[in-house]
């Protein structure tokens, strides 16, 4: 669709400059989109690998705690296992212009428990749970990165499409229209000039 502008030389120059900027912006956005897509797929592969590992570790944790729970009553376990403390730290990681949170375990205190009256399987379960927690935090970071990158991909793709299918074709059509109008005006001016010359000659 042609832009609503006056068909004059100043407008033609302005539109040509605008077309150069739009085409340069389109190329930069396409390059950005390709790089975001590459990072997105890289993170998705990493996420898939972590999820596979988490499934195996989670099954081992459930097996250990299930064994301990099967040998002790719930109230007895609560008495034998006092509560511990877990504190997490959050840092920001920059990917393009996006801030992705990165979680880390700052302190994890497991309270002392009665070694004589608890199963050795409990030690295995707690050790596996610590490993699992680190993987879960990494998975949370990757999921957030996937969410933010997918939103950025959508926004960038819309901008690329708007430039490629709307703005650039509209500017080109308007430039062609103004060029044709200026040529017509030039021809009309030449014809008028020739008539004036003929009239002057005939007198």
Foldseek 3Di string as FASTA:
>chain_A
DADPDDLDPVVLVVLVVVLVVLVVVLVVLVVVLVVLVVVLVVLVVVLVVLVVVLVVLVVLLCVLVVVQCVVDPPVVVCVQFDDWDWDKDWDWDDDPNDTFIQIDTPDTGGDDGDPVPTDPSVVVSVVSVVVSVNSVRVSVRSVSSNVVSVVVSVVSVVSSCCSVPPVNVNSVVNSVVSVVVVVVVVVVVVVVVVVVVVVVVVD
